[in-house]
Amino acid sequence: MYLGRIISIGSNENGSFAAYRVSSRSFPNRQTVVNGQKAAIVPTEGSEDDIYKNPYISYNCVDIVDDVCVITNGSHTDIIAGKIREGMNVRDAIALSLLAMDYEKDDYNTPRIAAAINFEGEGFIGTVRHDGIEVVKVNPGEAYYVSTYEHNSPRIVEEFTANNAEEAAEFIYGEGIFEEFTHPVTSCAVYGKDSWEISYKNP
């Protein structure tokens, strides 16, 4: 099954995680790059011109704001993180930014998906689609995921088995429930209890 981009957040006894996967049939030549407390999706070497074909394929997917990790499938990463830095609570920052940015105006009306979580495992995950907006609370010990296509309403992950950022990036790329979803391109994950670590998996 093809789900497009996927976000998952949650926590276990070892810490909180936020993970993101790019799945793509149209623009597979992309990779994750990390710069300090941020991670971005960018074209691979030789495919830089792809950004002129589709403005939505390159963006920051992770931005860490103190004890909160923001993770999304587009430029709304920066908007949500900026609102949190200004003092807005996580739920409202996600909901307001999704509402303001709206779904992507491409050939597929691609939803924007977003999430944020803190060290305690408290977070929110949501989406804005052409037919509505939805933001769901994630409690400590829970894990959820949402995708741009098919599963574009937040769903519970029964078991997200990862104990560090590297394992989380591997897991969302193609393990557990995510193994059945096709066309993985790159993944990124953040994991932490007292400080955040970032890892990624490129092809």
C-alpha atoms as a PDB file:
ATOM      1  CA  MET A   1       0.000   0.000   0.000  1.00  0.00           C
ATOM      2  CA  TYR A   2       1.274   3.452  -0.916  1.00  0.00           C
ATOM      3  CA  LEU A   3       0.810   6.061   1.834  1.00  0.00           C
ATOM      4  CA  GLY A   4       3.083   8.863   0.650  1.00  0.00           C
ATOM      5  CA  ARG A   5       4.712  10.769   3.505  1.00  0.00           C
ATOM      6  CA  ILE A   6       4.348   9.328   7.023  1.00  0.00           C
ATOM      7  CA  ILE A   7       4.799  10.826  10.507  1.00  0.00           C
ATOM      8  CA  SER A   8       4.808   8.915  13.775  1.00  0.00           C
ATOM      9  CA  ILE A   9       5.254  10.188  17.329  1.00  0.00           C
ATOM     10  CA  GLY A  10       5.074   8.523  20.709  1.00  0.00           C
ATOM     11  CA  SER A  11       7.029   7.355  23.720  1.00  0.00           C
ATOM     12  CA  ASN A  12       8.104   4.304  25.673  1.00  0.00           C
ATOM     13  CA  GLU A  13      10.026   3.661  28.890  1.00  0.00           C
ATOM     14  CA  ASN A  14      13.262   4.850  27.263  1.00  0.00           C
ATOM     15  CA  GLY A  15      12.097   8.163  25.856  1.00  0.00           C
ATOM     16  CA  SER A  16      10.022  10.018  23.305  1.00  0.00           C
ATOM     17  CA  PHE A  17      10.359   9.803  19.546  1.00  0.00           C
ATOM     18  CA  ALA A  18       9.266  11.593  16.411  1.00  0.00           C
ATOM     19  CA  ALA A  19       9.854   9.904  13.063  1.00  0.00           C
ATOM     20  CA  TYR A  20       9.251  10.883   9.462  1.00  0.00           C
ATOM     21  CA  ARG A  21       9.401   8.949   6.201  1.00  0.00           C
ATOM     22  CA  VAL A  22       9.296  10.153   2.634  1.00  0.00           C
ATOM     23  CA  SER A  23       7.682   7.647   0.303  1.00  0.00           C
ATOM     24  CA  SER A  24       7.474   8.806  -3.273  1.00  0.00           C
ATOM     25  CA  ARG A  25       6.684   7.532  -6.741  1.00  0.00           C
ATOM     26  CA  SER A  26       7.162  10.846  -8.553  1.00  0.00           C
ATOM     27  CA  PHE A  27      10.264  12.312  -6.877  1.00  0.00           C
ATOM     28  CA  PRO A  28      12.336   9.481  -5.357  1.00  0.00           C
ATOM     29  CA  ASN A  29      15.674  11.300  -5.656  1.00  0.00           C
ATOM     30  CA  ARG A  30      15.637  12.867  -2.215  1.00  0.00           C
ATOM     31  CA  GLN A  31      17.616  12.577   0.988  1.00  0.00           C
ATOM     32  CA  THR A  32      17.650  13.755   4.586  1.00  0.00           C
ATOM     33  CA  VAL A  33      20.331  16.170   5.785  1.00  0.00           C
ATOM     34  CA  VAL A  34      20.819  17.267   9.402  1.00  0.00           C
ATOM     35  CA  ASN A  35      21.958  20.726  10.443  1.00  0.00           C
ATOM     36  CA  GLY A  36      22.193  21.157  14.212  1.00  0.00           C
ATOM     37  CA  GLN A  37      18.710  20.968  15.701  1.00  0.00           C
ATOM     38  CA  LYS A  38      17.008  20.753  12.316  1.00  0.00           C
ATOM     39  CA  ALA A  39      16.645  18.171   9.553  1.00  0.00           C
ATOM     40  CA  ALA A  40      15.644  18.811   5.966  1.00  0.00           C
ATOM     41  CA  ILE A  41      14.494  16.870   2.938  1.00  0.00           C
ATOM     42  CA  VAL A  42      16.452  17.918  -0.161  1.00  0.00           C
ATOM     43  CA  PRO A  43      17.065  16.551  -3.670  1.00  0.00           C
ATOM     44  CA  THR A  44      20.002  14.207  -4.111  1.00  0.00           C
ATOM     45  CA  GLU A  45      23.039  15.381  -6.047  1.00  0.00           C
ATOM     46  CA  GLY A  46      22.157  15.730  -9.698  1.00  0.00           C
ATOM     47  CA  SER A  47      18.438  16.128  -9.023  1.00  0.00           C
ATOM     48  CA  GLU A  48      18.469  19.704  -7.767  1.00  0.00           C
ATOM     49  CA  ASP A  49      16.306  20.880 -10.678  1.00  0.00           C
ATOM     50  CA  ASP A  50      13.399  18.857  -9.281  1.00  0.00           C
ATOM     51  CA  ILE A  51      12.524  21.789  -7.007  1.00  0.00           C
ATOM     52  CA  TYR A  52      11.454  23.705 -10.117  1.00  0.00           C
ATOM     53  CA  LYS A  53       9.081  20.895 -11.055  1.00  0.00           C
ATOM     54  CA  ASN A  54       7.411  20.714  -7.639  1.00  0.00           C
ATOM     55  CA  PRO A  55       7.805  23.381  -4.912  1.00  0.00           C
ATOM     56  CA  TYR A  56       6.740  20.981  -2.161  1.00  0.00           C
ATOM     57  CA  ILE A  57       9.592  18.443  -2.337  1.00  0.00           C
ATOM     58  CA  SER A  58      12.255  20.293  -0.313  1.00  0.00           C
ATOM     59  CA  TYR A  59      11.706  21.590   3.233  1.00  0.00           C
ATOM     60  CA  ASN A  60      12.708  21.345   6.881  1.00  0.00           C
ATOM     61  CA  CYS A  61      11.013  18.247   8.291  1.00  0.00           C
ATOM     62  CA  VAL A  62      12.338  18.609  11.869  1.00  0.00           C
ATOM     63  CA  ASP A  63      12.859  21.599  14.121  1.00  0.00           C
ATOM     64  CA  ILE A  64      13.656  21.191  17.821  1.00  0.00           C
ATOM     65  CA  VAL A  65      12.436  23.890  20.200  1.00  0.00           C
ATOM     66  CA  ASP A  66      13.930  23.223  23.650  1.00  0.00           C
ATOM     67  CA  ASP A  67      12.093  20.127  24.946  1.00  0.00           C
ATOM     68  CA  VAL A  68       9.671  19.964  21.985  1.00  0.00           C
ATOM     69  CA  CYS A  69      10.365  18.263  18.663  1.00  0.00           C
ATOM     70  CA  VAL A  70       8.305  19.482  15.696  1.00  0.00           C
ATOM     71  CA  ILE A  71       8.053  17.169  12.677  1.00  0.00           C
ATOM     72  CA  THR A  72       6.065  17.666   9.451  1.00  0.00           C
ATOM     73  CA  ASN A  73       5.964  16.999   5.719  1.00  0.00           C
ATOM     74  CA  GLY A  74       6.497  20.583   4.564  1.00  0.00           C
ATOM     75  CA  SER A  75       7.305  24.227   5.141  1.00  0.00           C
ATOM     76  CA  HIS A  76       4.805  24.352   7.997  1.00  0.00           C
ATOM     77  CA  THR A  77       7.576  22.866  10.172  1.00  0.00           C
ATOM     78  CA  ASP A  78       9.044  26.356  10.414  1.00  0.00           C
ATOM     79  CA  ILE A  79       5.665  27.991  11.084  1.00  0.00           C
ATOM     80  CA  ILE A  80       4.757  25.603  13.915  1.00  0.00           C
ATOM     81  CA  ALA A  81       8.200  25.834  15.519  1.00  0.00           C
ATOM     82  CA  GLY A  82       8.081  29.623  15.279  1.00  0.00           C
ATOM     83  CA  LYS A  83       4.720  29.773  17.053  1.00  0.00           C
ATOM     84  CA  ILE A  84       6.008  27.517  19.847  1.00  0.00           C
ATOM     85  CA  ARG A  85       9.094  29.727  20.242  1.00  0.00           C
ATOM     86  CA  GLU A  86       6.758  32.684  20.630  1.00  0.00           C
ATOM     87  CA  GLY A  87       5.003  30.932  23.524  1.00  0.00           C
ATOM     88  CA  MET A  88       1.991  29.340  21.847  1.00  0.00           C
ATOM     89  CA  ASN A  89       1.006  25.908  23.151  1.00  0.00           C
ATOM     90  CA  VAL A  90       1.703  22.895  20.932  1.00  0.00           C
ATOM     91  CA  ARG A  91      -1.900  22.045  20.047  1.00  0.00           C
ATOM     92  CA  ASP A  92      -2.752  25.558  18.942  1.00  0.00           C
ATOM     93  CA  ALA A  93       0.531  25.985  17.062  1.00  0.00           C
ATOM     94  CA  ILE A  94      -0.189  22.854  15.028  1.00  0.00           C
ATOM     95  CA  ALA A  95      -3.876  23.588  14.451  1.00  0.00           C
ATOM     96  CA  LEU A  96      -3.364  27.247  13.528  1.00  0.00           C
ATOM     97  CA  SER A  97      -0.471  26.521  11.187  1.00  0.00           C
ATOM     98  CA  LEU A  98      -2.269  23.683   9.415  1.00  0.00           C
ATOM     99  CA  LEU A  99      -5.367  25.818   8.994  1.00  0.00           C
ATOM    100  CA  ALA A 100      -3.381  28.791   7.705  1.00  0.00           C
ATOM    101  CA  MET A 101      -1.171  26.816   5.299  1.00  0.00           C
ATOM    102  CA  ASP A 102      -3.957  24.463   4.155  1.00  0.00           C
ATOM    103  CA  TYR A 103      -3.414  21.327   2.076  1.00  0.00           C
ATOM    104  CA  GLU A 104      -0.893  21.436  -0.766  1.00  0.00           C
ATOM    105  CA  LYS A 105      -2.313  22.785  -4.019  1.00  0.00           C
ATOM    106  CA  ASP A 106      -0.783  20.068  -6.208  1.00  0.00           C
ATOM    107  CA  ASP A 107      -2.428  17.569  -8.552  1.00  0.00           C
ATOM    108  CA  TYR A 108      -3.346  15.317  -5.603  1.00  0.00           C
ATOM    109  CA  ASN A 109      -4.519  17.874  -3.021  1.00  0.00           C
ATOM    110  CA  THR A 110      -1.829  16.386  -0.782  1.00  0.00           C
ATOM    111  CA  PRO A 111      -2.629  16.845   2.915  1.00  0.00           C
ATOM    112  CA  ARG A 112      -0.197  18.559   5.233  1.00  0.00           C
ATOM    113  CA  ILE A 113       0.653  16.390   8.220  1.00  0.00           C
ATOM    114  CA  ALA A 114       2.331  17.550  11.427  1.00  0.00           C
ATOM    115  CA  ALA A 115       3.188  16.522  14.959  1.00  0.00           C
ATOM    116  CA  ALA A 116       5.111  17.660  18.006  1.00  0.00           C
ATOM    117  CA  ILE A 117       6.104  15.880  21.212  1.00  0.00           C
ATOM    118  CA  ASN A 118       8.069  16.633  24.390  1.00  0.00           C
ATOM    119  CA  PHE A 119      10.370  14.577  26.614  1.00  0.00           C
ATOM    120  CA  GLU A 120       7.421  13.490  28.769  1.00  0.00           C
ATOM    121  CA  GLY A 121       5.710  11.859  25.796  1.00  0.00           C
ATOM    122  CA  GLU A 122       2.967  14.460  25.543  1.00  0.00           C
ATOM    123  CA  GLY A 123       2.205  15.625  22.040  1.00  0.00           C
ATOM    124  CA  PHE A 124      -0.242  16.251  19.241  1.00  0.00           C
ATOM    125  CA  ILE A 125      -0.476  14.857  15.720  1.00  0.00           C
ATOM    126  CA  GLY A 126      -2.680  16.193  12.974  1.00  0.00           C
ATOM    127  CA  THR A 127      -3.492  16.797   9.348  1.00  0.00           C
ATOM    128  CA  VAL A 128      -5.273  19.244   7.110  1.00  0.00           C
ATOM    129  CA  ARG A 129      -6.996  17.717   4.089  1.00  0.00           C
ATOM    130  CA  HIS A 130      -9.220  19.143   1.376  1.00  0.00           C
ATOM    131  CA  ASP A 131     -12.175  17.876   3.417  1.00  0.00           C
ATOM    132  CA  GLY A 132     -11.179  18.910   6.935  1.00  0.00           C
ATOM    133  CA  ILE A 133      -8.648  19.383   9.688  1.00  0.00           C
ATOM    134  CA  GLU A 134      -7.887  17.019  12.581  1.00  0.00           C
ATOM    135  CA  VAL A 135      -5.524  17.296  15.569  1.00  0.00           C
ATOM    136  CA  VAL A 136      -5.256  14.426  18.074  1.00  0.00           C
ATOM    137  CA  LYS A 137      -3.604  14.372  21.493  1.00  0.00           C
ATOM    138  CA  VAL A 138      -0.896  11.770  22.139  1.00  0.00           C
ATOM    139  CA  ASN A 139      -0.451  10.731  25.779  1.00  0.00           C
ATOM    140  CA  PRO A 140       2.667   9.276  27.438  1.00  0.00           C
ATOM    141  CA  GLY A 141       3.144   5.630  26.495  1.00  0.00           C
ATOM    142  CA  GLU A 142       1.119   5.965  23.290  1.00  0.00           C
ATOM    143  CA  ALA A 143       2.233   6.089  19.656  1.00  0.00           C
ATOM    144  CA  TYR A 144       0.354   7.349  16.608  1.00  0.00           C
ATOM    145  CA  TYR A 145       1.024   7.768  12.919  1.00  0.00           C
ATOM    146  CA  VAL A 146      -0.587   9.645  10.040  1.00  0.00           C
ATOM    147  CA  SER A 147       0.152   9.717   6.328  1.00  0.00           C
ATOM    148  CA  THR A 148      -0.651  11.944   3.393  1.00  0.00           C
ATOM    149  CA  TYR A 149      -2.626   9.277   1.521  1.00  0.00           C
ATOM    150  CA  GLU A 150      -4.958   6.442   2.552  1.00  0.00           C
ATOM    151  CA  HIS A 151      -4.251   6.630   6.313  1.00  0.00           C
ATOM    152  CA  ASN A 152      -4.660  10.405   6.433  1.00  0.00           C
ATOM    153  CA  SER A 153      -6.364  10.428   9.826  1.00  0.00           C
ATOM    154  CA  PRO A 154      -4.181   9.715  12.905  1.00  0.00           C
ATOM    155  CA  ARG A 155      -4.010   6.030  13.860  1.00  0.00           C
ATOM    156  CA  ILE A 156      -2.575   4.186  16.860  1.00  0.00           C
ATOM    157  CA  VAL A 157       0.691   2.300  16.425  1.00  0.00           C
ATOM    158  CA  GLU A 158       0.396  -0.809  18.582  1.00  0.00           C
ATOM    159  CA  GLU A 159       4.139  -1.327  18.853  1.00  0.00           C
ATOM    160  CA  PHE A 160       6.869   1.098  17.781  1.00  0.00           C
ATOM    161  CA  THR A 161       9.994  -0.797  18.826  1.00  0.00           C
ATOM    162  CA  ALA A 162      12.829   1.718  18.941  1.00  0.00           C
ATOM    163  CA  ASN A 163      15.130   2.766  21.763  1.00  0.00           C
ATOM    164  CA  ASN A 164      17.164   5.442  20.017  1.00  0.00           C
ATOM    165  CA  ALA A 165      16.993   7.744  17.004  1.00  0.00           C
ATOM    166  CA  GLU A 166      18.770   5.354  14.657  1.00  0.00           C
ATOM    167  CA  GLU A 167      16.370   2.526  15.475  1.00  0.00           C
ATOM    168  CA  ALA A 168      13.386   4.858  15.067  1.00  0.00           C
ATOM    169  CA  ALA A 169      14.581   5.963  11.617  1.00  0.00           C
ATOM    170  CA  GLU A 170      15.024   2.320  10.593  1.00  0.00           C
ATOM    171  CA  PHE A 171      11.647   1.350  12.009  1.00  0.00           C
ATOM    172  CA  ILE A 172       9.581   3.928  10.143  1.00  0.00           C
ATOM    173  CA  TYR A 173      11.585   3.290   6.970  1.00  0.00           C
ATOM    174  CA  GLY A 174      10.481  -0.330   6.771  1.00  0.00           C
ATOM    175  CA  GLU A 175       9.886  -2.292   9.957  1.00  0.00           C
ATOM    176  CA  GLY A 176       6.790  -3.353  11.896  1.00  0.00           C
ATOM    177  CA  ILE A 177       3.575  -1.906  10.527  1.00  0.00           C
ATOM    178  CA  PHE A 178       5.566   0.354   8.187  1.00  0.00           C
ATOM    179  CA  GLU A 179       7.077  -2.604   6.334  1.00  0.00           C
ATOM    180  CA  GLU A 180       3.872  -3.068   4.328  1.00  0.00           C
ATOM    181  CA  PHE A 181       3.908   0.485   2.976  1.00  0.00           C
ATOM    182  CA  THR A 182       5.668   0.906  -0.359  1.00  0.00           C
ATOM    183  CA  HIS A 183       8.175   3.225  -2.057  1.00  0.00           C
ATOM    184  CA  PRO A 184      10.330   4.360   0.902  1.00  0.00           C
ATOM    185  CA  VAL A 185      12.853   7.025  -0.088  1.00  0.00           C
ATOM    186  CA  THR A 186      14.384   8.427   3.107  1.00  0.00           C
ATOM    187  CA  SER A 187      13.562   8.681   6.804  1.00  0.00           C
ATOM    188  CA  CYS A 188      14.495  10.801   9.790  1.00  0.00           C
ATOM    189  CA  ALA A 189      13.897  10.341  13.508  1.00  0.00           C
ATOM    190  CA  VAL A 190      14.442  12.188  16.762  1.00  0.00           C
ATOM    191  CA  TYR A 191      14.630  10.422  20.112  1.00  0.00           C
ATOM    192  CA  GLY A 192      15.231  11.628  23.623  1.00  0.00           C
ATOM    193  CA  LYS A 193      14.542  11.707  27.334  1.00  0.00           C
ATOM    194  CA  ASP A 194      16.669  14.608  28.559  1.00  0.00           C
ATOM    195  CA  SER A 195      18.158  15.723  25.232  1.00  0.00           C
ATOM    196  CA  TRP A 196      17.274  15.037  21.618  1.00  0.00           C
ATOM    197  CA  GLU A 197      19.329  12.985  19.178  1.00  0.00           C
ATOM    198  CA  ILE A 198      18.657  12.985  15.428  1.00  0.00           C
ATOM    199  CA  SER A 199      19.329  10.161  12.995  1.00  0.00           C
ATOM    200  CA  TYR A 200      18.325   9.399   9.420  1.00  0.00           C
ATOM    201  CA  LYS A 201      18.333   6.692   6.785  1.00  0.00           C
ATOM    202  CA  ASN A 202      19.136   7.534   3.192  1.00  0.00           C
ATOM    203  CA  PRO A 203      19.121   5.048   0.309  1.00  0.00           C
END
